[in-house]
C-alpha atoms as a PDB file:
ATOM      1  CA  MET A   1       0.018  -0.064   0.083  1.00  0.00           C
ATOM      2  CA  LEU A   2       1.476   3.174  -0.887  1.00  0.00           C
ATOM      3  CA  ASP A   3       1.323   6.778   0.551  1.00  0.00           C
ATOM      4  CA  PRO A   4      -1.314   8.769  -1.024  1.00  0.00           C
ATOM      5  CA  PHE A   5       0.758  11.931  -0.321  1.00  0.00           C
ATOM      6  CA  PRO A   6       4.020  12.419  -2.632  1.00  0.00           C
ATOM      7  CA  VAL A   7       6.837  14.485  -0.607  1.00  0.00           C
ATOM      8  CA  PRO A   8       7.492  18.162  -2.617  1.00  0.00           C
ATOM      9  CA  PRO A   9      10.970  17.861  -4.183  1.00  0.00           C
ATOM     10  CA  LEU A  10      11.771  21.002  -2.025  1.00  0.00           C
ATOM     11  CA  VAL A  11      10.897  19.357   1.703  1.00  0.00           C
ATOM     12  CA  ARG A  12      13.057  16.102   0.310  1.00  0.00           C
ATOM     13  CA  ASP A  13      16.262  17.686  -0.772  1.00  0.00           C
ATOM     14  CA  ALA A  14      15.985  19.931   2.363  1.00  0.00           C
ATOM     15  CA  ILE A  15      15.878  17.140   4.483  1.00  0.00           C
ATOM     16  CA  GLN A  16      18.095  14.781   2.300  1.00  0.00           C
ATOM     17  CA  PRO A  17      21.677  16.101   3.654  1.00  0.00           C
ATOM     18  CA  LEU A  18      20.546  15.246   7.457  1.00  0.00           C
ATOM     19  CA  ALA A  19      18.849  12.287   6.482  1.00  0.00           C
ATOM     20  CA  ASP A  20      22.270  10.976   4.699  1.00  0.00           C
ATOM     21  CA  LEU A  21      24.389  11.850   7.788  1.00  0.00           C
ATOM     22  CA  LEU A  22      21.752  10.041  10.568  1.00  0.00           C
ATOM     23  CA  HIS A  23      21.306   6.934   7.838  1.00  0.00           C
ATOM     24  CA  LEU A  24      17.312   7.410   7.864  1.00  0.00           C
ATOM     25  CA  GLY A  25      17.044   6.441   4.105  1.00  0.00           C
ATOM     26  CA  THR A  26      13.475   6.608   3.944  1.00  0.00           C
ATOM     27  CA  LEU A  27      13.133   9.537   6.122  1.00  0.00           C
ATOM     28  CA  PRO A  28      12.886  12.352   3.058  1.00  0.00           C
ATOM     29  CA  LEU A  29       9.927  10.574   1.531  1.00  0.00           C
ATOM     30  CA  HIS A  30       8.017  11.075   4.674  1.00  0.00           C
ATOM     31  CA  ALA A  31       9.521  14.298   6.136  1.00  0.00           C
ATOM     32  CA  HIS A  32       6.448  16.540   4.740  1.00  0.00           C
ATOM     33  CA  GLU A  33       4.220  14.234   7.070  1.00  0.00           C
ATOM     34  CA  VAL A  34       6.202  14.917  10.153  1.00  0.00           C
ATOM     35  CA  LEU A  35       6.241  18.590   9.769  1.00  0.00           C
ATOM     36  CA  ALA A  36       2.872  18.205   8.774  1.00  0.00           C
ATOM     37  CA  GLY A  37       1.843  16.607  12.100  1.00  0.00           C
ATOM     38  CA  PHE A  38       3.936  18.681  14.137  1.00  0.00           C
ATOM     39  CA  ALA A  39       2.233  21.736  12.692  1.00  0.00           C
ATOM     40  CA  LEU A  40      -1.165  20.432  12.868  1.00  0.00           C
ATOM     41  CA  TYR A  41      -0.800  19.264  17.065  1.00  0.00           C
ATOM     42  CA  THR A  42       0.905  22.521  17.516  1.00  0.00           C
ATOM     43  CA  PHE A  43      -2.396  24.444  16.056  1.00  0.00           C
ATOM     44  CA  ILE A  44      -4.365  21.908  18.189  1.00  0.00           C
ATOM     45  CA  ASP A  45      -2.865  22.398  21.416  1.00  0.00           C
ATOM     46  CA  SER A  46      -2.151  26.504  21.132  1.00  0.00           C
ATOM     47  CA  VAL A  47      -4.956  27.276  18.588  1.00  0.00           C
ATOM     48  CA  LEU A  48      -8.188  25.087  18.377  1.00  0.00           C
ATOM     49  CA  SER A  49      -8.575  23.394  21.865  1.00  0.00           C
ATOM     50  CA  PRO A  50      -8.280  27.249  23.748  1.00  0.00           C
ATOM     51  CA  ALA A  51     -11.213  28.511  21.641  1.00  0.00           C
ATOM     52  CA  ILE A  52     -13.378  25.171  21.578  1.00  0.00           C
ATOM     53  CA  SER A  53     -12.923  25.026  25.314  1.00  0.00           C
ATOM     54  CA  ALA A  54     -13.669  28.410  25.876  1.00  0.00           C
ATOM     55  CA  ARG A  55     -16.900  28.301  23.773  1.00  0.00           C
ATOM     56  CA  LEU A  56     -18.464  24.767  24.964  1.00  0.00           C
ATOM     57  CA  LEU A  57     -17.375  25.369  28.575  1.00  0.00           C
ATOM     58  CA  PRO A  58     -16.870  29.016  29.130  1.00  0.00           C
ATOM     59  CA  SER A  59     -17.285  29.340  32.429  1.00  0.00           C
ATOM     60  CA  THR A  60     -15.168  26.085  33.659  1.00  0.00           C
ATOM     61  CA  TYR A  61     -12.637  26.625  31.291  1.00  0.00           C
ATOM     62  CA  ALA A  62     -12.178  30.091  32.604  1.00  0.00           C
ATOM     63  CA  LYS A  63     -11.768  29.197  35.969  1.00  0.00           C
ATOM     64  CA  PHE A  64      -8.819  26.418  35.143  1.00  0.00           C
ATOM     65  CA  SER A  65      -5.575  27.568  36.187  1.00  0.00           C
ATOM     66  CA  ALA A  66      -2.646  28.310  34.144  1.00  0.00           C
ATOM     67  CA  ARG A  67      -1.360  24.597  34.968  1.00  0.00           C
ATOM     68  CA  THR A  68      -4.867  23.000  34.353  1.00  0.00           C
ATOM     69  CA  LYS A  69      -5.040  24.834  31.088  1.00  0.00           C
ATOM     70  CA  LEU A  70      -1.788  23.743  29.867  1.00  0.00           C
ATOM     71  CA  ASN A  71      -2.884  19.987  30.666  1.00  0.00           C
ATOM     72  CA  TRP A  72      -6.308  20.174  29.245  1.00  0.00           C
ATOM     73  CA  ASN A  73      -4.973  21.513  26.140  1.00  0.00           C
ATOM     74  CA  MET A  74      -2.173  18.710  25.840  1.00  0.00           C
ATOM     75  CA  HIS A  75      -4.921  16.114  26.996  1.00  0.00           C
ATOM     76  CA  VAL A  76      -7.325  17.157  24.095  1.00  0.00           C
ATOM     77  CA  THR A  77      -4.254  16.928  21.368  1.00  0.00           C
ATOM     78  CA  SER A  78      -3.137  13.333  22.619  1.00  0.00           C
ATOM     79  CA  PHE A  79      -7.049  12.692  22.418  1.00  0.00           C
ATOM     80  CA  VAL A  80      -6.816  13.693  18.628  1.00  0.00           C
ATOM     81  CA  ASN A  81      -3.754  12.003  17.827  1.00  0.00           C
ATOM     82  CA  ALA A  82      -4.558   8.669  19.557  1.00  0.00           C
ATOM     83  CA  THR A  83      -7.843   8.436  17.752  1.00  0.00           C
ATOM     84  CA  PHE A  84      -6.261   9.062  14.302  1.00  0.00           C
ATOM     85  CA  LEU A  85      -2.854   7.191  14.870  1.00  0.00           C
ATOM     86  CA  SER A  86      -5.889   4.026  15.976  1.00  0.00           C
ATOM     87  CA  VAL A  87      -7.811   4.403  12.894  1.00  0.00           C
ATOM     88  CA  ALA A  88      -5.138   4.947  10.667  1.00  0.00           C
ATOM     89  CA  ALA A  89      -2.910   2.114  11.517  1.00  0.00           C
ATOM     90  CA  SER A  90      -6.174   0.020  11.788  1.00  0.00           C
ATOM     91  CA  TYR A  91      -6.959   0.473   8.157  1.00  0.00           C
ATOM     92  CA  VAL A  92      -3.422   0.018   7.141  1.00  0.00           C
ATOM     93  CA  LEU A  93      -3.221  -3.199   8.943  1.00  0.00           C
ATOM     94  CA  TYR A  94      -6.451  -4.414   7.516  1.00  0.00           C
ATOM     95  CA  TYR A  95      -6.222  -3.374   3.731  1.00  0.00           C
ATOM     96  CA  ASP A  96      -2.321  -3.588   2.960  1.00  0.00           C
ATOM     97  CA  ALA A  97      -1.853  -6.865   1.370  1.00  0.00           C
ATOM     98  CA  GLU A  98       1.665  -6.583   1.199  1.00  0.00           C
ATOM     99  CA  ARG A  99       2.030  -7.396   4.987  1.00  0.00           C
ATOM    100  CA  LEU A 100       0.841 -10.830   4.263  1.00  0.00           C
ATOM    101  CA  HIS A 101       3.120 -13.740   4.504  1.00  0.00           C
ATOM    102  CA  GLU A 102       6.297 -11.831   5.109  1.00  0.00           C
ATOM    103  CA  THR A 103       9.635 -12.971   6.060  1.00  0.00           C
ATOM    104  CA  TRP A 104      11.516 -12.280   8.651  1.00  0.00           C
ATOM    105  CA  GLU A 105      13.564 -10.244   6.334  1.00  0.00           C
ATOM    106  CA  GLN A 106      10.333  -8.385   5.061  1.00  0.00           C
ATOM    107  CA  ARG A 107       9.535  -7.726   8.783  1.00  0.00           C
ATOM    108  CA  ILE A 108      12.547  -6.139   9.777  1.00  0.00           C
ATOM    109  CA  TRP A 109      13.551  -4.385   6.832  1.00  0.00           C
ATOM    110  CA  GLY A 110      10.203  -4.021   4.847  1.00  0.00           C
ATOM    111  CA  TYR A 111       8.368  -0.802   4.170  1.00  0.00           C
ATOM    112  CA  THR A 112       5.346  -0.050   2.930  1.00  0.00           C
ATOM    113  CA  GLY A 113       4.451   3.811   1.946  1.00  0.00           C
ATOM    114  CA  ALA A 114       1.083   3.811   3.751  1.00  0.00           C
ATOM    115  CA  GLY A 115       2.563   2.416   6.939  1.00  0.00           C
ATOM    116  CA  ALA A 116       5.470   4.852   6.968  1.00  0.00           C
ATOM    117  CA  MET A 117       2.866   7.400   6.415  1.00  0.00           C
ATOM    118  CA  VAL A 118       1.483   6.518   9.560  1.00  0.00           C
ATOM    119  CA  GLN A 119       4.631   6.504  11.531  1.00  0.00           C
ATOM    120  CA  ALA A 120       5.822   9.888   9.951  1.00  0.00           C
ATOM    121  CA  PHE A 121       2.556  11.800  11.390  1.00  0.00           C
ATOM    122  CA  GLY A 122       3.185   9.756  14.958  1.00  0.00           C
ATOM    123  CA  ALA A 123       6.949  10.924  14.690  1.00  0.00           C
ATOM    124  CA  GLY A 124       5.309  14.577  14.312  1.00  0.00           C
ATOM    125  CA  TYR A 125       2.942  14.432  17.474  1.00  0.00           C
ATOM    126  CA  PHE A 126       6.254  12.899  19.699  1.00  0.00           C
ATOM    127  CA  LEU A 127       7.998  15.626  18.190  1.00  0.00           C
ATOM    128  CA  TRP A 128       5.437  18.376  19.437  1.00  0.00           C
ATOM    129  CA  ASP A 129       5.262  16.191  22.503  1.00  0.00           C
ATOM    130  CA  LEU A 130       8.547  16.322  23.353  1.00  0.00           C
ATOM    131  CA  GLN A 131       8.881  20.233  22.803  1.00  0.00           C
ATOM    132  CA  MET A 132       6.178  20.758  25.337  1.00  0.00           C
ATOM    133  CA  CYS A 133       7.479  18.315  27.968  1.00  0.00           C
ATOM    134  CA  ALA A 134      11.005  19.865  27.249  1.00  0.00           C
ATOM    135  CA  MET A 135       9.333  23.676  27.733  1.00  0.00           C
ATOM    136  CA  ASN A 136       6.997  22.659  30.726  1.00  0.00           C
ATOM    137  CA  VAL A 137       9.423  20.210  32.600  1.00  0.00           C
ATOM    138  CA  ARG A 138       8.655  21.362  35.776  1.00  0.00           C
ATOM    139  CA  THR A 139       4.901  20.989  35.267  1.00  0.00           C
ATOM    140  CA  LEU A 140       4.704  17.531  33.434  1.00  0.00           C
ATOM    141  CA  GLY A 141       7.620  15.751  34.896  1.00  0.00           C
ATOM    142  CA  VAL A 142      10.616  13.720  34.025  1.00  0.00           C
ATOM    143  CA  LEU A 143       8.504  10.638  33.159  1.00  0.00           C
ATOM    144  CA  ASP A 144       6.359  12.423  30.185  1.00  0.00           C
ATOM    145  CA  LEU A 145       9.818  14.021  29.072  1.00  0.00           C
ATOM    146  CA  LEU A 146      11.078  10.352  29.181  1.00  0.00           C
ATOM    147  CA  HIS A 147       8.338   9.065  26.849  1.00  0.00           C
ATOM    148  CA  ALA A 148       8.369  11.907  24.525  1.00  0.00           C
ATOM    149  CA  ILE A 149      12.223  11.356  24.070  1.00  0.00           C
ATOM    150  CA  VAL A 150      12.079   7.668  23.441  1.00  0.00           C
ATOM    151  CA  GLY A 151       8.594   7.757  21.690  1.00  0.00           C
ATOM    152  CA  LEU A 152      10.069  10.103  18.873  1.00  0.00           C
ATOM    153  CA  ALA A 153      13.727   8.064  19.094  1.00  0.00           C
ATOM    154  CA  ILE A 154      11.793   4.929  17.865  1.00  0.00           C
ATOM    155  CA  SER A 155       9.554   6.727  15.508  1.00  0.00           C
ATOM    156  CA  ILE A 156      12.498   8.231  13.561  1.00  0.00           C
ATOM    157  CA  LEU A 157      14.982   5.419  13.800  1.00  0.00           C
ATOM    158  CA  GLY A 158      12.314   3.352  12.193  1.00  0.00           C
ATOM    159  CA  PHE A 159      12.828   5.027   8.732  1.00  0.00           C
ATOM    160  CA  ARG A 160      16.622   3.711   8.312  1.00  0.00           C
ATOM    161  CA  PRO A 161      14.038   1.714   7.381  1.00  0.00           C
ATOM    162  CA  PHE A 162      14.012  -0.532  10.374  1.00  0.00           C
ATOM    163  CA  GLY A 163      11.131  -2.659  11.657  1.00  0.00           C
ATOM    164  CA  LEU A 164       8.502  -0.553  10.226  1.00  0.00           C
ATOM    165  CA  TYR A 165       6.288  -3.733  10.356  1.00  0.00           C
ATOM    166  CA  TYR A 166       6.042  -3.754  14.160  1.00  0.00           C
ATOM    167  CA  GLY A 167       6.079   0.048  14.124  1.00  0.00           C
ATOM    168  CA  ILE A 168       2.403   0.182  12.568  1.00  0.00           C
ATOM    169  CA  GLN A 169       1.313  -2.558  15.462  1.00  0.00           C
ATOM    170  CA  TYR A 170       2.698  -0.679  18.047  1.00  0.00           C
ATOM    171  CA  ALA A 171       0.772   2.100  16.749  1.00  0.00           C
ATOM    172  CA  LEU A 172      -2.238   0.197  18.398  1.00  0.00           C
ATOM    173  CA  ILE A 173      -1.141   0.401  21.880  1.00  0.00           C
ATOM    174  CA  GLU A 174      -2.759   4.381  21.646  1.00  0.00           C
ATOM    175  CA  LEU A 175      -6.235   2.377  21.725  1.00  0.00           C
ATOM    176  CA  SER A 176      -6.240   2.990  25.337  1.00  0.00           C
ATOM    177  CA  THR A 177      -5.205   6.985  25.103  1.00  0.00           C
ATOM    178  CA  PRO A 178      -8.540   7.943  24.301  1.00  0.00           C
ATOM    179  CA  PHE A 179     -10.072   6.472  27.391  1.00  0.00           C
ATOM    180  CA  VAL A 180      -6.936   7.895  29.693  1.00  0.00           C
ATOM    181  CA  ASN A 181      -7.912  11.398  28.309  1.00  0.00           C
ATOM    182  CA  ILE A 182     -11.523  11.084  28.888  1.00  0.00           C
ATOM    183  CA  HIS A 183     -10.750   9.650  32.547  1.00  0.00           C
ATOM    184  CA  TRP A 184      -8.563  12.708  33.057  1.00  0.00           C
ATOM    185  CA  PHE A 185     -11.247  15.424  31.598  1.00  0.00           C
ATOM    186  CA  LEU A 186     -14.304  13.754  33.683  1.00  0.00           C
ATOM    187  CA  ASN A 187     -11.872  14.715  36.673  1.00  0.00           C
ATOM    188  CA  LYS A 188     -11.746  18.290  35.798  1.00  0.00           C
ATOM    189  CA  LEU A 189     -15.312  18.739  35.096  1.00  0.00           C
ATOM    190  CA  GLY A 190     -16.005  17.270  38.493  1.00  0.00           C
ATOM    191  CA  ARG A 191     -17.607  14.049  37.277  1.00  0.00           C
ATOM    192  CA  ALA A 192     -14.984  12.210  39.422  1.00  0.00           C
ATOM    193  CA  GLY A 193     -17.069   8.623  40.868  1.00  0.00           C
ATOM    194  CA  SER A 194     -19.698   9.270  38.379  1.00  0.00           C
ATOM    195  CA  LYS A 195     -21.361   6.310  36.413  1.00  0.00           C
ATOM    196  CA  LEU A 196     -19.936   7.465  33.368  1.00  0.00           C
ATOM    197  CA  GLN A 197     -16.270   7.564  34.721  1.00  0.00           C
ATOM    198  CA  ILE A 198     -16.622   4.244  36.526  1.00  0.00           C
ATOM    199  CA  VAL A 199     -17.594   2.450  33.230  1.00  0.00           C
ATOM    200  CA  ASN A 200     -14.958   4.410  31.041  1.00  0.00           C
ATOM    201  CA  GLY A 201     -12.726   3.128  33.435  1.00  0.00           C
ATOM    202  CA  ALA A 202     -13.685  -0.360  33.307  1.00  0.00           C
ATOM    203  CA  ILE A 203     -13.112  -0.218  29.545  1.00  0.00           C
ATOM    204  CA  LEU A 204      -9.562   1.670  29.957  1.00  0.00           C
ATOM    205  CA  ILE A 205      -8.442  -1.125  32.240  1.00  0.00           C
ATOM    206  CA  VAL A 206      -9.135  -3.588  29.851  1.00  0.00           C
ATOM    207  CA  VAL A 207      -8.290  -2.235  26.632  1.00  0.00           C
ATOM    208  CA  PHE A 208      -4.792  -0.633  28.142  1.00  0.00           C
ATOM    209  CA  ALA A 209      -3.788  -4.348  29.784  1.00  0.00           C
ATOM    210  CA  SER A 210      -4.707  -5.736  26.291  1.00  0.00           C
ATOM    211  CA  CYS A 211      -3.206  -3.266  23.728  1.00  0.00           C
ATOM    212  CA  ARG A 212      -0.271  -1.722  26.006  1.00  0.00           C
ATOM    213  CA  LEU A 213       0.986  -4.721  28.082  1.00  0.00           C
ATOM    214  CA  VAL A 214      -0.217  -7.826  26.499  1.00  0.00           C
ATOM    215  CA  LEU A 215       0.336  -6.725  23.052  1.00  0.00           C
ATOM    216  CA  GLY A 216       3.078  -4.802  23.744  1.00  0.00           C
ATOM    217  CA  THR A 217       4.914  -7.969  25.430  1.00  0.00           C
ATOM    218  CA  TYR A 218       4.219 -10.171  22.437  1.00  0.00           C
ATOM    219  CA  LEU A 219       5.248  -7.738  19.863  1.00  0.00           C
ATOM    220  CA  THR A 220       8.704  -6.878  21.735  1.00  0.00           C
ATOM    221  CA  ILE A 221       8.902 -10.969  21.847  1.00  0.00           C
ATOM    222  CA  VAL A 222       8.622 -11.453  18.410  1.00  0.00           C
ATOM    223  CA  PHE A 223      10.561  -8.303  17.536  1.00  0.00           C
ATOM    224  CA  SER A 224      13.705  -9.655  19.250  1.00  0.00           C
ATOM    225  CA  ARG A 225      13.317 -12.798  17.514  1.00  0.00           C
ATOM    226  CA  ASP A 226      13.668 -11.212  13.749  1.00  0.00           C
ATOM    227  CA  ALA A 227      16.213  -8.802  15.100  1.00  0.00           C
ATOM    228  CA  TRP A 228      18.494 -11.692  16.453  1.00  0.00           C
ATOM    229  CA  SER A 229      18.150 -13.006  13.004  1.00  0.00           C
ATOM    230  CA  ALA A 230      18.934  -9.674  11.303  1.00  0.00           C
ATOM    231  CA  LEU A 231      22.273  -9.771  13.492  1.00  0.00           C
ATOM    232  CA  HIS A 232      23.309 -12.998  12.375  1.00  0.00           C
ATOM    233  CA  ALA A 233      22.638 -12.522   8.806  1.00  0.00           C
ATOM    234  CA  PRO A 234      25.593 -13.620   6.679  1.00  0.00           C
ATOM    235  CA  ALA A 235      25.866 -10.193   4.543  1.00  0.00           C
ATOM    236  CA  PRO A 236      24.143  -6.850   4.045  1.00  0.00           C
ATOM    237  CA  GLY A 237      21.382  -6.939   1.309  1.00  0.00           C
ATOM    238  CA  TRP A 238      19.609  -4.788  -0.668  1.00  0.00           C
ATOM    239  CA  THR A 239      15.795  -3.862  -0.976  1.00  0.00           C
ATOM    240  CA  LYS A 240      13.518  -1.635  -3.587  1.00  0.00           C
ATOM    241  CA  TYR A 241      11.143   0.373  -1.949  1.00  0.00           C
ATOM    242  CA  ASP A 242       7.950   1.497  -3.575  1.00  0.00           C
ATOM    243  CA  TYR A 243       6.563   4.301  -1.838  1.00  0.00           C
ATOM    244  CA  SER A 244       4.322   6.762  -3.617  1.00  0.00           C
ATOM    245  CA  PRO A 245       2.332   6.724  -6.820  1.00  0.00           C
ATOM    246  CA  GLY A 246       3.878   8.319  -9.746  1.00  0.00           C
ATOM    247  CA  GLN A 247       7.224   8.236  -8.024  1.00  0.00           C
ATOM    248  CA  GLU A 248      10.426   6.498  -8.542  1.00  0.00           C
ATOM    249  CA  PRO A 249      11.209   3.404  -6.177  1.00  0.00           C
ATOM    250  CA  ILE A 250      14.742   3.805  -4.144  1.00  0.00           C
ATOM    251  CA  VAL A 251      17.336   1.134  -3.580  1.00  0.00           C
ATOM    252  CA  LEU A 252      18.640   0.845  -0.086  1.00  0.00           C
ATOM    253  CA  GLN A 253      21.302  -1.330   1.620  1.00  0.00           C
ATOM    254  CA  HIS A 254      20.235  -2.810   4.734  1.00  0.00           C
ATOM    255  CA  GLU A 255      22.493  -4.304   7.625  1.00  0.00           C
ATOM    256  CA  ALA A 256      21.269  -4.519  11.697  1.00  0.00           C
ATOM    257  CA  ALA A 257      23.623  -3.248  14.328  1.00  0.00           C
ATOM    258  CA  TRP A 258      23.953  -4.108  17.688  1.00  0.00           C
ATOM    259  CA  TRP A 259      23.731  -0.304  18.831  1.00  0.00           C
ATOM    260  CA  LEU A 260      20.364  -0.022  16.529  1.00  0.00           C
ATOM    261  CA  VAL A 261      18.450  -3.496  17.911  1.00  0.00           C
ATOM    262  CA  ALA A 262      19.981  -2.243  21.769  1.00  0.00           C
ATOM    263  CA  ALA A 263      18.059   1.265  21.337  1.00  0.00           C
ATOM    264  CA  PHE A 264      14.875  -0.681  19.988  1.00  0.00           C
ATOM    265  CA  LEU A 265      14.958  -3.256  23.018  1.00  0.00           C
ATOM    266  CA  ILE A 266      15.861  -0.771  25.552  1.00  0.00           C
ATOM    267  CA  SER A 267      13.172   2.108  24.413  1.00  0.00           C
ATOM    268  CA  ASN A 268      10.599  -1.060  24.117  1.00  0.00           C
ATOM    269  CA  GLY A 269      11.888  -1.861  27.758  1.00  0.00           C
ATOM    270  CA  VAL A 270      11.322   1.824  28.821  1.00  0.00           C
ATOM    271  CA  VAL A 271       7.721   2.038  27.372  1.00  0.00           C
ATOM    272  CA  MET A 272       6.664  -1.393  28.866  1.00  0.00           C
ATOM    273  CA  SER A 273       8.121  -0.418  32.132  1.00  0.00           C
ATOM    274  CA  LEU A 274       5.988   2.994  32.101  1.00  0.00           C
ATOM    275  CA  SER A 275       2.915   1.241  30.997  1.00  0.00           C
ATOM    276  CA  ALA A 276       3.195  -1.429  34.297  1.00  0.00           C
ATOM    277  CA  PHE A 277       3.629   1.639  36.151  1.00  0.00           C
ATOM    278  CA  TRP A 278       0.970   4.125  34.775  1.00  0.00           C
ATOM    279  CA  PHE A 279      -1.372   0.653  34.948  1.00  0.00           C
ATOM    280  CA  THR A 280      -1.344   0.356  38.635  1.00  0.00           C
ATOM    281  CA  LYS A 281      -1.862   4.004  39.306  1.00  0.00           C
ATOM    282  CA  MET A 282      -4.871   3.246  36.625  1.00  0.00           C
ATOM    283  CA  ILE A 283      -5.880   0.192  39.001  1.00  0.00           C
ATOM    284  CA  ALA A 284      -5.732   2.394  42.253  1.00  0.00           C
ATOM    285  CA  THR A 285      -7.484   5.707  40.972  1.00  0.00           C
ATOM    286  CA  VAL A 286     -10.509   3.216  39.330  1.00  0.00           C
ATOM    287  CA  GLY A 287     -10.701   1.452  42.405  1.00  0.00           C
ATOM    288  CA  ARG A 288     -10.938   4.271  44.364  1.00  0.00           C
ATOM    289  CA  HIS A 289     -13.690   6.013  42.731  1.00  0.00           C
ATOM    290  CA  MET A 290     -15.659   3.211  42.553  1.00  0.00           C
ATOM    291  CA  SER A 291     -15.312   2.635  46.280  1.00  0.00           C
ATOM    292  CA  SER A 292     -16.656   6.242  46.782  1.00  0.00           C
ATOM    293  CA  ALA A 293     -19.492   5.640  44.244  1.00  0.00           C
ATOM    294  CA  THR A 294     -20.618   2.558  46.666  1.00  0.00           C
ATOM    295  CA  GLU A 295     -20.198   4.320  49.892  1.00  0.00           C
ATOM    296  CA  GLU A 296     -22.387   7.570  48.078  1.00  0.00           C
ATOM    297  CA  LYS A 297     -24.991   5.029  47.049  1.00  0.00           C
ATOM    298  CA  LYS A 298     -25.084   2.928  50.387  1.00  0.00           C
ATOM    299  CA  PHE A 299     -25.170   6.590  52.354  1.00  0.00           C
ATOM    300  CA  SER A 300     -28.080   7.635  50.273  1.00  0.00           C
ATOM    301  CA  HIS A 301     -29.836   4.380  50.851  1.00  0.00           C
ATOM    302  CA  ASP A 302     -29.462   4.800  54.977  1.00  0.00           C
END
C-alpha cells in the first residue's frame, strides 16, 4: 500500500543531507508528513483546543489555572492524535496486502508507503510532545519527558528503514489513550466517581492491559526474535522500496547493527515499564472512584 501524499521535492531535498548523515534512508520520503503532524498538533494545542474549550465550557475553562489549561490542551491534542493513529493503523493493517506472508527479512527491513505515513504523523506528534515536555518539564515531570524522547527516537529510527512492520502494530497501543484522556477530562469537569467515569475506567483497564501490556509484550518478543536473525545475517542486502504513486522507487542497503537493536529493545523496555507503572496507578484510581461511588450509594439508601 502506497503513501497517497508524495513528498514535495523542496522538502525532500532540504532534509536529504540530515537523513544521509543519520542513515535514515526513507525519512526524506515522509519528512513533509512529520512536519505536517508537528504543525497540526501545535495548532490544536495552541489555537483550536483553547478556542473550542472556551466556547463549549466558558465558565469552567475560564476558571482553570494556567497549569490546568496547559494539561487540558495537551490532553485534547493527545486525544486527537490517539484517535487518528488508532484508525489509520487499523486501516493499514487490514487493507495492506503487502504485509501478508512476510519473512523475517521483510518484517525487519520491509516498508510500505502507507505504513510509513502513519509512523510519520506519529513522529510529528512526538516531536510536538517533546517540545511541550521540554518547555514545561517542571509542570509535566521527567517521566513525560522520557516518554516523549523514547517515542520520537523509535519513530525516527524506523525510517532507516528498520522494524516498520512492527511500528505500525505498536501504534495500536494508542487505542487505550482516548479512554485515559476521557478519564482525566471527567476529573476536571467534576465528574469524578460518576457512573460514566466508572464505566470508562473499566473499559480503560481492559483496553490498556490488552493493548499496552499483552500486545506490547508479544510484539517485543517476536521483534526480538526477528532482530536476532537480522544480527546474524551472513551479509548486508539490498531492497527496492515503492512509496508513492507516480514516484520512482528507491534502492537501499540494509544491515542490522547491535546498537540499533539495543536502542529498540531498551526503548521498548522503557515504554513497557512506564505502561506497567501507569497501569498500577490506574487500577488504584479506578478502584478508589468505585469505592467512593459505593459509599455514596450506601449513604443515600441509609
